[in-house]
Amino acid sequence: MVRIKITGSYFFLFLVWNLFLALIPFAISTYLVSKPEISKVRLFLWATVWLLFLPNAPYIVTDLVHLKLHNPFWGWFDVLLLVSFAINGLLLYFLSL
């Protein structure tokens, strides 16, 4: 949000959506761990949804291709922004496993 406020560019707003998609398998796995008993049918359905959303978590690393170093100052800010989202996506991926 700071980058949007300063530069007026909404280009990296897709990172928030990608991080939300990475949060879904983590939320599902956290929910399943907290349930003491769950039927096999529900477990299968939740596991299917978990598996469908799981690739979104490490996919954030591929967003590093959007890095363009036009201005050296904003380039470092963009590197920090993209790497922080990528690390969070990988962390959510490993925690959901």
PDB file of N, CA and C in Angstrom:
ATOM      1  N   MET A   1       0.815  -1.192   0.000  1.00  0.00           N
ATOM      2  CA  MET A   1       0.000   0.000   0.000  1.00  0.00           C
ATOM      3  C   MET A   1       0.866   1.266   0.000  1.00  0.00           C
ATOM      4  N   VAL A   2       2.033   1.168   0.637  1.00  0.00           N
ATOM      5  CA  VAL A   2       2.933   2.322   0.654  1.00  0.00           C
ATOM      6  C   VAL A   2       3.398   2.635  -0.766  1.00  0.00           C
ATOM      7  N   ARG A   3       3.717   1.589  -1.533  1.00  0.00           N
ATOM      8  CA  ARG A   3       4.174   1.810  -2.910  1.00  0.00           C
ATOM      9  C   ARG A   3       3.062   2.426  -3.755  1.00  0.00           C
ATOM     10  N   ILE A   4       1.850   1.968  -3.565  1.00  0.00           N
ATOM     11  CA  ILE A   4       0.715   2.534  -4.309  1.00  0.00           C
ATOM     12  C   ILE A   4       0.534   4.000  -3.948  1.00  0.00           C
ATOM     13  N   LYS A   5       0.637   4.317  -2.664  1.00  0.00           N
ATOM     14  CA  LYS A   5       0.453   5.696  -2.215  1.00  0.00           C
ATOM     15  C   LYS A   5       1.541   6.617  -2.763  1.00  0.00           C
ATOM     16  N   ILE A   6       2.786   6.133  -2.744  1.00  0.00           N
ATOM     17  CA  ILE A   6       3.895   6.996  -3.173  1.00  0.00           C
ATOM     18  C   ILE A   6       3.962   7.130  -4.693  1.00  0.00           C
ATOM     19  N   THR A   7       3.869   6.008  -5.410  1.00  0.00           N
ATOM     20  CA  THR A   7       4.046   6.054  -6.868  1.00  0.00           C
ATOM     21  C   THR A   7       2.749   6.238  -7.636  1.00  0.00           C
ATOM     22  N   GLY A   8       1.620   5.904  -7.031  1.00  0.00           N
ATOM     23  CA  GLY A   8       0.342   5.992  -7.740  1.00  0.00           C
ATOM     24  C   GLY A   8       0.122   4.851  -8.710  1.00  0.00           C
ATOM     25  N   SER A   9       0.986   3.834  -8.652  1.00  0.00           N
ATOM     26  CA  SER A   9       0.884   2.687  -9.554  1.00  0.00           C
ATOM     27  C   SER A   9       0.278   1.496  -8.806  1.00  0.00           C
ATOM     28  N   TYR A  10      -0.698   0.872  -9.440  1.00  0.00           N
ATOM     29  CA  TYR A  10      -1.352  -0.305  -8.855  1.00  0.00           C
ATOM     30  C   TYR A  10      -0.774  -1.606  -9.419  1.00  0.00           C
ATOM     31  N   PHE A  11       0.402  -1.560  -9.987  1.00  0.00           N
ATOM     32  CA  PHE A  11       0.955  -2.705 -10.699  1.00  0.00           C
ATOM     33  C   PHE A  11       1.134  -3.930  -9.807  1.00  0.00           C
ATOM     34  N   PHE A  12       1.671  -3.767  -8.615  1.00  0.00           N
ATOM     35  CA  PHE A  12       1.965  -4.909  -7.754  1.00  0.00           C
ATOM     36  C   PHE A  12       0.796  -5.318  -6.866  1.00  0.00           C
ATOM     37  N   LEU A  13      -0.388  -4.841  -7.147  1.00  0.00           N
ATOM     38  CA  LEU A  13      -1.547  -5.204  -6.333  1.00  0.00           C
ATOM     39  C   LEU A  13      -1.911  -6.680  -6.479  1.00  0.00           C
ATOM     40  N   PHE A  14      -1.492  -7.310  -7.577  1.00  0.00           N
ATOM     41  CA  PHE A  14      -1.770  -8.724  -7.772  1.00  0.00           C
ATOM     42  C   PHE A  14      -1.079  -9.587  -6.714  1.00  0.00           C
ATOM     43  N   LEU A  15      -0.043  -9.062  -6.082  1.00  0.00           N
ATOM     44  CA  LEU A  15       0.656  -9.815  -5.044  1.00  0.00           C
ATOM     45  C   LEU A  15      -0.244 -10.104  -3.845  1.00  0.00           C
ATOM     46  N   VAL A  16      -1.116  -9.181  -3.530  1.00  0.00           N
ATOM     47  CA  VAL A  16      -2.053  -9.387  -2.418  1.00  0.00           C
ATOM     48  C   VAL A  16      -2.992 -10.542  -2.743  1.00  0.00           C
ATOM     49  N   TRP A  17      -3.488 -10.594  -3.965  1.00  0.00           N
ATOM     50  CA  TRP A  17      -4.371 -11.680  -4.388  1.00  0.00           C
ATOM     51  C   TRP A  17      -3.625 -13.017  -4.363  1.00  0.00           C
ATOM     52  N   ASN A  18      -2.401 -13.032  -4.851  1.00  0.00           N
ATOM     53  CA  ASN A  18      -1.620 -14.269  -4.854  1.00  0.00           C
ATOM     54  C   ASN A  18      -1.330 -14.747  -3.427  1.00  0.00           C
ATOM     55  N   LEU A  19      -1.079 -13.833  -2.524  1.00  0.00           N
ATOM     56  CA  LEU A  19      -0.843 -14.222  -1.139  1.00  0.00           C
ATOM     57  C   LEU A  19      -2.123 -14.742  -0.499  1.00  0.00           C
ATOM     58  N   PHE A  20      -3.261 -14.167  -0.862  1.00  0.00           N
ATOM     59  CA  PHE A  20      -4.546 -14.688  -0.376  1.00  0.00           C
ATOM     60  C   PHE A  20      -4.755 -16.116  -0.873  1.00  0.00           C
ATOM     61  N   LEU A  21      -4.439 -16.378  -2.140  1.00  0.00           N
ATOM     62  CA  LEU A  21      -4.571 -17.731  -2.676  1.00  0.00           C
ATOM     63  C   LEU A  21      -3.605 -18.700  -2.000  1.00  0.00           C
ATOM     64  N   ALA A  22      -2.456 -18.211  -1.571  1.00  0.00           N
ATOM     65  CA  ALA A  22      -1.508 -19.054  -0.842  1.00  0.00           C
ATOM     66  C   ALA A  22      -1.982 -19.322   0.579  1.00  0.00           C
ATOM     67  N   LEU A  23      -2.809 -18.448   1.100  1.00  0.00           N
ATOM     68  CA  LEU A  23      -3.322 -18.604   2.455  1.00  0.00           C
ATOM     69  C   LEU A  23      -4.406 -19.681   2.550  1.00  0.00           C
ATOM     70  N   ILE A  24      -5.092 -19.953   1.462  1.00  0.00           N
ATOM     71  CA  ILE A  24      -6.195 -20.920   1.476  1.00  0.00           C
ATOM     72  C   ILE A  24      -5.742 -22.322   1.875  1.00  0.00           C
ATOM     73  N   PRO A  25      -4.694 -22.905   1.261  1.00  0.00           N
ATOM     74  CA  PRO A  25      -4.294 -24.247   1.713  1.00  0.00           C
ATOM     75  C   PRO A  25      -3.795 -24.261   3.157  1.00  0.00           C
ATOM     76  N   PHE A  26      -3.164 -23.175   3.603  1.00  0.00           N
ATOM     77  CA  PHE A  26      -2.737 -23.104   4.998  1.00  0.00           C
ATOM     78  C   PHE A  26      -3.942 -23.106   5.933  1.00  0.00           C
ATOM     79  N   ALA A  27      -4.972 -22.343   5.575  1.00  0.00           N
ATOM     80  CA  ALA A  27      -6.183 -22.300   6.401  1.00  0.00           C
ATOM     81  C   ALA A  27      -6.873 -23.665   6.428  1.00  0.00           C
ATOM     82  N   ILE A  28      -6.910 -24.338   5.298  1.00  0.00           N
ATOM     83  CA  ILE A  28      -7.542 -25.658   5.249  1.00  0.00           C
ATOM     84  C   ILE A  28      -6.762 -26.657   6.099  1.00  0.00           C
ATOM     85  N   SER A  29      -5.442 -26.668   5.979  1.00  0.00           N
ATOM     86  CA  SER A  29      -4.651 -27.622   6.767  1.00  0.00           C
ATOM     87  C   SER A  29      -4.738 -27.313   8.257  1.00  0.00           C
ATOM     88  N   THR A  30      -4.774 -26.034   8.613  1.00  0.00           N
ATOM     89  CA  THR A  30      -4.935 -25.663  10.021  1.00  0.00           C
ATOM     90  C   THR A  30      -6.290 -26.114  10.542  1.00  0.00           C
ATOM     91  N   TYR A  31      -7.316 -25.950   9.729  1.00  0.00           N
ATOM     92  CA  TYR A  31      -8.655 -26.393  10.118  1.00  0.00           C
ATOM     93  C   TYR A  31      -8.697 -27.905  10.303  1.00  0.00           C
ATOM     94  N   LEU A  32      -8.100 -28.647   9.375  1.00  0.00           N
ATOM     95  CA  LEU A  32      -8.138 -30.106   9.455  1.00  0.00           C
ATOM     96  C   LEU A  32      -7.346 -30.636  10.650  1.00  0.00           C
ATOM     97  N   VAL A  33      -6.274 -29.980  10.991  1.00  0.00           N
ATOM     98  CA  VAL A  33      -5.500 -30.414  12.158  1.00  0.00           C
ATOM     99  C   VAL A  33      -6.277 -30.166  13.448  1.00  0.00           C
ATOM    100  N   SER A  34      -7.065 -29.105  13.474  1.00  0.00           N
ATOM    101  CA  SER A  34      -7.805 -28.766  14.690  1.00  0.00           C
ATOM    102  C   SER A  34      -9.048 -29.630  14.902  1.00  0.00           C
ATOM    103  N   LYS A  35      -9.511 -30.298  13.852  1.00  0.00           N
ATOM    104  CA  LYS A  35     -10.699 -31.155  13.983  1.00  0.00           C
ATOM    105  C   LYS A  35     -10.292 -32.510  14.552  1.00  0.00           C
ATOM    106  N   PRO A  36     -10.858 -32.916  15.697  1.00  0.00           N
ATOM    107  CA  PRO A  36     -10.487 -34.218  16.252  1.00  0.00           C
ATOM    108  C   PRO A  36     -11.001 -35.395  15.430  1.00  0.00           C
ATOM    109  N   GLU A  37     -12.203 -35.264  14.936  1.00  0.00           N
ATOM    110  CA  GLU A  37     -12.784 -36.330  14.119  1.00  0.00           C
ATOM    111  C   GLU A  37     -13.435 -35.708  12.890  1.00  0.00           C
ATOM    112  N   ILE A  38     -13.184 -36.325  11.756  1.00  0.00           N
ATOM    113  CA  ILE A  38     -13.782 -35.858  10.510  1.00  0.00           C
ATOM    114  C   ILE A  38     -14.043 -37.083   9.647  1.00  0.00           C
ATOM    115  N   SER A  39     -15.168 -37.068   8.957  1.00  0.00           N
ATOM    116  CA  SER A  39     -15.512 -38.226   8.129  1.00  0.00           C
ATOM    117  C   SER A  39     -14.566 -38.327   6.937  1.00  0.00           C
ATOM    118  N   LYS A  40     -14.469 -39.498   6.390  1.00  0.00           N
ATOM    119  CA  LYS A  40     -13.553 -39.717   5.264  1.00  0.00           C
ATOM    120  C   LYS A  40     -13.975 -38.942   4.027  1.00  0.00           C
ATOM    121  N   VAL A  41     -15.275 -38.794   3.839  1.00  0.00           N
ATOM    122  CA  VAL A  41     -15.774 -38.048   2.680  1.00  0.00           C
ATOM    123  C   VAL A  41     -15.386 -36.571   2.798  1.00  0.00           C
ATOM    124  N   ARG A  42     -15.612 -35.999   3.971  1.00  0.00           N
ATOM    125  CA  ARG A  42     -15.251 -34.589   4.168  1.00  0.00           C
ATOM    126  C   ARG A  42     -13.747 -34.392   4.081  1.00  0.00           C
ATOM    127  N   LEU A  43     -13.003 -35.332   4.644  1.00  0.00           N
ATOM    128  CA  LEU A  43     -11.543 -35.247   4.563  1.00  0.00           C
ATOM    129  C   LEU A  43     -11.085 -35.290   3.111  1.00  0.00           C
ATOM    130  N   PHE A  44     -11.682 -36.145   2.316  1.00  0.00           N
ATOM    131  CA  PHE A  44     -11.335 -36.228   0.897  1.00  0.00           C
ATOM    132  C   PHE A  44     -11.673 -34.928   0.174  1.00  0.00           C
ATOM    133  N   LEU A  45     -12.839 -34.348   0.460  1.00  0.00           N
ATOM    134  CA  LEU A  45     -13.233 -33.092  -0.189  1.00  0.00           C
ATOM    135  C   LEU A  45     -12.300 -31.951   0.214  1.00  0.00           C
ATOM    136  N   TRP A  46     -12.005 -31.842   1.507  1.00  0.00           N
ATOM    137  CA  TRP A  46     -11.087 -30.800   1.958  1.00  0.00           C
ATOM    138  C   TRP A  46      -9.695 -31.005   1.386  1.00  0.00           C
ATOM    139  N   ALA A  47      -9.252 -32.253   1.328  1.00  0.00           N
ATOM    140  CA  ALA A  47      -7.921 -32.539   0.779  1.00  0.00           C
ATOM    141  C   ALA A  47      -7.851 -32.203  -0.709  1.00  0.00           C
ATOM    142  N   THR A  48      -8.946 -32.412  -1.418  1.00  0.00           N
ATOM    143  CA  THR A  48      -8.987 -32.065  -2.839  1.00  0.00           C
ATOM    144  C   THR A  48      -8.883 -30.557  -3.039  1.00  0.00           C
ATOM    145  N   VAL A  49      -9.642 -29.808  -2.255  1.00  0.00           N
ATOM    146  CA  VAL A  49      -9.582 -28.342  -2.348  1.00  0.00           C
ATOM    147  C   VAL A  49      -8.189 -27.861  -1.941  1.00  0.00           C
ATOM    148  N   TRP A  50      -7.629 -28.458  -0.890  1.00  0.00           N
ATOM    149  CA  TRP A  50      -6.282 -28.112  -0.442  1.00  0.00           C
ATOM    150  C   TRP A  50      -5.269 -28.336  -1.564  1.00  0.00           C
ATOM    151  N   LEU A  51      -5.369 -29.485  -2.214  1.00  0.00           N
ATOM    152  CA  LEU A  51      -4.432 -29.818  -3.275  1.00  0.00           C
ATOM    153  C   LEU A  51      -4.594 -28.909  -4.496  1.00  0.00           C
ATOM    154  N   LEU A  52      -5.816 -28.470  -4.771  1.00  0.00           N
ATOM    155  CA  LEU A  52      -6.039 -27.567  -5.897  1.00  0.00           C
ATOM    156  C   LEU A  52      -5.424 -26.187  -5.660  1.00  0.00           C
ATOM    157  N   PHE A  53      -5.457 -25.726  -4.421  1.00  0.00           N
ATOM    158  CA  PHE A  53      -4.930 -24.397  -4.120  1.00  0.00           C
ATOM    159  C   PHE A  53      -3.462 -24.406  -3.714  1.00  0.00           C
ATOM    160  N   LEU A  54      -2.905 -25.559  -3.385  1.00  0.00           N
ATOM    161  CA  LEU A  54      -1.529 -25.627  -2.905  1.00  0.00           C
ATOM    162  C   LEU A  54      -0.496 -25.061  -3.885  1.00  0.00           C
ATOM    163  N   PRO A  55      -0.583 -25.289  -5.189  1.00  0.00           N
ATOM    164  CA  PRO A  55       0.439 -24.728  -6.095  1.00  0.00           C
ATOM    165  C   PRO A  55       0.482 -23.202  -6.130  1.00  0.00           C
ATOM    166  N   ASN A  56      -0.568 -22.526  -5.662  1.00  0.00           N
ATOM    167  CA  ASN A  56      -0.558 -21.062  -5.652  1.00  0.00           C
ATOM    168  C   ASN A  56       0.462 -20.494  -4.678  1.00  0.00           C
ATOM    169  N   ALA A  57       0.785 -21.244  -3.638  1.00  0.00           N
ATOM    170  CA  ALA A  57       1.697 -20.729  -2.615  1.00  0.00           C
ATOM    171  C   ALA A  57       3.120 -20.546  -3.148  1.00  0.00           C
ATOM    172  N   PRO A  58       3.760 -21.564  -3.714  1.00  0.00           N
ATOM    173  CA  PRO A  58       5.116 -21.324  -4.227  1.00  0.00           C
ATOM    174  C   PRO A  58       5.119 -20.567  -5.555  1.00  0.00           C
ATOM    175  N   TYR A  59       3.964 -20.435  -6.179  1.00  0.00           N
ATOM    176  CA  TYR A  59       3.867 -19.720  -7.452  1.00  0.00           C
ATOM    177  C   TYR A  59       4.260 -18.250  -7.318  1.00  0.00           C
ATOM    178  N   ILE A  60       4.162 -17.705  -6.123  1.00  0.00           N
ATOM    179  CA  ILE A  60       4.499 -16.295  -5.904  1.00  0.00           C
ATOM    180  C   ILE A  60       5.971 -16.034  -6.233  1.00  0.00           C
ATOM    181  N   VAL A  61       6.800 -17.055  -6.118  1.00  0.00           N
ATOM    182  CA  VAL A  61       8.218 -16.891  -6.459  1.00  0.00           C
ATOM    183  C   VAL A  61       8.369 -16.506  -7.928  1.00  0.00           C
ATOM    184  N   THR A  62       7.491 -16.998  -8.776  1.00  0.00           N
ATOM    185  CA  THR A  62       7.582 -16.678 -10.208  1.00  0.00           C
ATOM    186  C   THR A  62       7.225 -15.220 -10.493  1.00  0.00           C
ATOM    187  N   ASP A  63       6.653 -14.522  -9.532  1.00  0.00           N
ATOM    188  CA  ASP A  63       6.341 -13.109  -9.732  1.00  0.00           C
ATOM    189  C   ASP A  63       7.592 -12.244  -9.764  1.00  0.00           C
ATOM    190  N   LEU A  64       8.738 -12.824  -9.449  1.00  0.00           N
ATOM    191  CA  LEU A  64       9.992 -12.068  -9.534  1.00  0.00           C
ATOM    192  C   LEU A  64      10.315 -11.663 -10.969  1.00  0.00           C
ATOM    193  N   VAL A  65       9.672 -12.293 -11.958  1.00  0.00           N
ATOM    194  CA  VAL A  65       9.901 -11.903 -13.354  1.00  0.00           C
ATOM    195  C   VAL A  65       9.341 -10.515 -13.638  1.00  0.00           C
ATOM    196  N   HIS A  66       8.464 -10.010 -12.777  1.00  0.00           N
ATOM    197  CA  HIS A  66       7.888  -8.682 -12.971  1.00  0.00           C
ATOM    198  C   HIS A  66       8.825  -7.572 -12.499  1.00  0.00           C
ATOM    199  N   LEU A  67       9.993  -7.950 -12.028  1.00  0.00           N
ATOM    200  CA  LEU A  67      10.939  -6.978 -11.519  1.00  0.00           C
ATOM    201  C   LEU A  67      11.624  -6.261 -12.679  1.00  0.00           C
ATOM    202  N   LYS A  68      11.459  -4.961 -12.702  1.00  0.00           N
ATOM    203  CA  LYS A  68      12.104  -4.128 -13.712  1.00  0.00           C
ATOM    204  C   LYS A  68      12.810  -2.998 -12.984  1.00  0.00           C
ATOM    205  N   LEU A  69      14.096  -2.885 -13.220  1.00  0.00           N
ATOM    206  CA  LEU A  69      14.888  -1.880 -12.519  1.00  0.00           C
ATOM    207  C   LEU A  69      15.031  -0.616 -13.368  1.00  0.00           C
ATOM    208  N   HIS A  70      13.984   0.204 -13.389  1.00  0.00           N
ATOM    209  CA  HIS A  70      14.032   1.470 -14.117  1.00  0.00           C
ATOM    210  C   HIS A  70      14.691   2.546 -13.259  1.00  0.00           C
ATOM    211  N   ASN A  71      14.245   2.656 -12.049  1.00  0.00           N
ATOM    212  CA  ASN A  71      14.768   3.641 -11.117  1.00  0.00           C
ATOM    213  C   ASN A  71      15.487   2.876 -10.009  1.00  0.00           C
ATOM    214  N   PRO A  72      16.761   3.158  -9.742  1.00  0.00           N
ATOM    215  CA  PRO A  72      17.496   2.378  -8.732  1.00  0.00           C
ATOM    216  C   PRO A  72      16.843   2.399  -7.352  1.00  0.00           C
ATOM    217  N   PHE A  73      16.287   3.534  -6.948  1.00  0.00           N
ATOM    218  CA  PHE A  73      15.652   3.591  -5.633  1.00  0.00           C
ATOM    219  C   PHE A  73      14.418   2.715  -5.580  1.00  0.00           C
ATOM    220  N   TRP A  74      13.529   2.858  -6.547  1.00  0.00           N
ATOM    221  CA  TRP A  74      12.312   2.037  -6.549  1.00  0.00           C
ATOM    222  C   TRP A  74      12.624   0.592  -6.889  1.00  0.00           C
ATOM    223  N   GLY A  75      13.739   0.361  -7.585  1.00  0.00           N
ATOM    224  CA  GLY A  75      14.138  -1.010  -7.883  1.00  0.00           C
ATOM    225  C   GLY A  75      14.407  -1.795  -6.616  1.00  0.00           C
ATOM    226  N   TRP A  76      15.129  -1.205  -5.666  1.00  0.00           N
ATOM    227  CA  TRP A  76      15.391  -1.891  -4.403  1.00  0.00           C
ATOM    228  C   TRP A  76      14.120  -2.057  -3.590  1.00  0.00           C
ATOM    229  N   PHE A  77      13.257  -1.084  -3.647  1.00  0.00           N
ATOM    230  CA  PHE A  77      11.967  -1.189  -2.950  1.00  0.00           C
ATOM    231  C   PHE A  77      11.133  -2.315  -3.554  1.00  0.00           C
ATOM    232  N   ASP A  78      11.143  -2.412  -4.882  1.00  0.00           N
ATOM    233  CA  ASP A  78      10.400  -3.481  -5.553  1.00  0.00           C
ATOM    234  C   ASP A  78      11.000  -4.848  -5.260  1.00  0.00           C
ATOM    235  N   VAL A  79      12.326  -4.937  -5.203  1.00  0.00           N
ATOM    236  CA  VAL A  79      12.972  -6.204  -4.847  1.00  0.00           C
ATOM    237  C   VAL A  79      12.542  -6.621  -3.446  1.00  0.00           C
ATOM    238  N   LEU A  80      12.568  -5.697  -2.508  1.00  0.00           N
ATOM    239  CA  LEU A  80      12.153  -5.991  -1.138  1.00  0.00           C
ATOM    240  C   LEU A  80      10.689  -6.419  -1.098  1.00  0.00           C
ATOM    241  N   LEU A  81       9.850  -5.735  -1.841  1.00  0.00           N
ATOM    242  CA  LEU A  81       8.432  -6.058  -1.880  1.00  0.00           C
ATOM    243  C   LEU A  81       8.188  -7.452  -2.451  1.00  0.00           C
ATOM    244  N   LEU A  82       8.770  -7.743  -3.595  1.00  0.00           N
ATOM    245  CA  LEU A  82       8.558  -9.044  -4.230  1.00  0.00           C
ATOM    246  C   LEU A  82       9.154 -10.193  -3.420  1.00  0.00           C
ATOM    247  N   VAL A  83      10.332  -9.995  -2.873  1.00  0.00           N
ATOM    248  CA  VAL A  83      10.956 -11.052  -2.081  1.00  0.00           C
ATOM    249  C   VAL A  83      10.176 -11.312  -0.794  1.00  0.00           C
ATOM    250  N   SER A  84       9.653 -10.265  -0.174  1.00  0.00           N
ATOM    251  CA  SER A  84       8.879 -10.481   1.054  1.00  0.00           C
ATOM    252  C   SER A  84       7.592 -11.253   0.763  1.00  0.00           C
ATOM    253  N   PHE A  85       6.936 -10.969  -0.351  1.00  0.00           N
ATOM    254  CA  PHE A  85       5.747 -11.739  -0.713  1.00  0.00           C
ATOM    255  C   PHE A  85       6.113 -13.176  -1.070  1.00  0.00           C
ATOM    256  N   ALA A  86       7.229 -13.360  -1.772  1.00  0.00           N
ATOM    257  CA  ALA A  86       7.660 -14.706  -2.154  1.00  0.00           C
ATOM    258  C   ALA A  86       8.016 -15.542  -0.924  1.00  0.00           C
ATOM    259  N   ILE A  87       8.704 -14.940   0.029  1.00  0.00           N
ATOM    260  CA  ILE A  87       9.053 -15.666   1.255  1.00  0.00           C
ATOM    261  C   ILE A  87       7.802 -16.028   2.044  1.00  0.00           C
ATOM    262  N   ASN A  88       6.851 -15.119   2.113  1.00  0.00           N
ATOM    263  CA  ASN A  88       5.593 -15.425   2.802  1.00  0.00           C
ATOM    264  C   ASN A  88       4.833 -16.543   2.104  1.00  0.00           C
ATOM    265  N   GLY A  89       4.825 -16.533   0.782  1.00  0.00           N
ATOM    266  CA  GLY A  89       4.170 -17.611   0.031  1.00  0.00           C
ATOM    267  C   GLY A  89       4.830 -18.953   0.271  1.00  0.00           C
ATOM    268  N   LEU A  90       6.166 -18.980   0.268  1.00  0.00           N
ATOM    269  CA  LEU A  90       6.880 -20.226   0.542  1.00  0.00           C
ATOM    270  C   LEU A  90       6.663 -20.687   1.978  1.00  0.00           C
ATOM    271  N   LEU A  91       6.635 -19.757   2.909  1.00  0.00           N
ATOM    272  CA  LEU A  91       6.387 -20.114   4.298  1.00  0.00           C
ATOM    273  C   LEU A  91       4.990 -20.723   4.466  1.00  0.00           C
ATOM    274  N   LEU A  92       4.002 -20.125   3.842  1.00  0.00           N
ATOM    275  CA  LEU A  92       2.650 -20.685   3.905  1.00  0.00           C
ATOM    276  C   LEU A  92       2.589 -22.049   3.240  1.00  0.00           C
ATOM    277  N   TYR A  93       3.339 -22.227   2.171  1.00  0.00           N
ATOM    278  CA  TYR A  93       3.405 -23.522   1.482  1.00  0.00           C
ATOM    279  C   TYR A  93       3.950 -24.597   2.412  1.00  0.00           C
ATOM    280  N   PHE A  94       5.098 -24.318   3.025  1.00  0.00           N
ATOM    281  CA  PHE A  94       5.717 -25.322   3.888  1.00  0.00           C
ATOM    282  C   PHE A  94       4.899 -25.567   5.154  1.00  0.00           C
ATOM    283  N   LEU A  95       4.281 -24.529   5.691  1.00  0.00           N
ATOM    284  CA  LEU A  95       3.442 -24.722   6.870  1.00  0.00           C
ATOM    285  C   LEU A  95       2.179 -25.522   6.562  1.00  0.00           C
ATOM    286  N   SER A  96       1.659 -25.380   5.359  1.00  0.00           N
ATOM    287  CA  SER A  96       0.450 -26.144   5.011  1.00  0.00           C
ATOM    288  C   SER A  96       0.763 -27.592   4.695  1.00  0.00           C
ATOM    289  N   LEU A  97       2.022 -27.885   4.353  1.00  0.00           N
ATOM    290  CA  LEU A  97       2.411 -29.274   4.139  1.00  0.00           C
ATOM    291  C   LEU A  97       2.461 -30.003   5.469  1.00  0.00           C
TER     292      LEU A  97
END
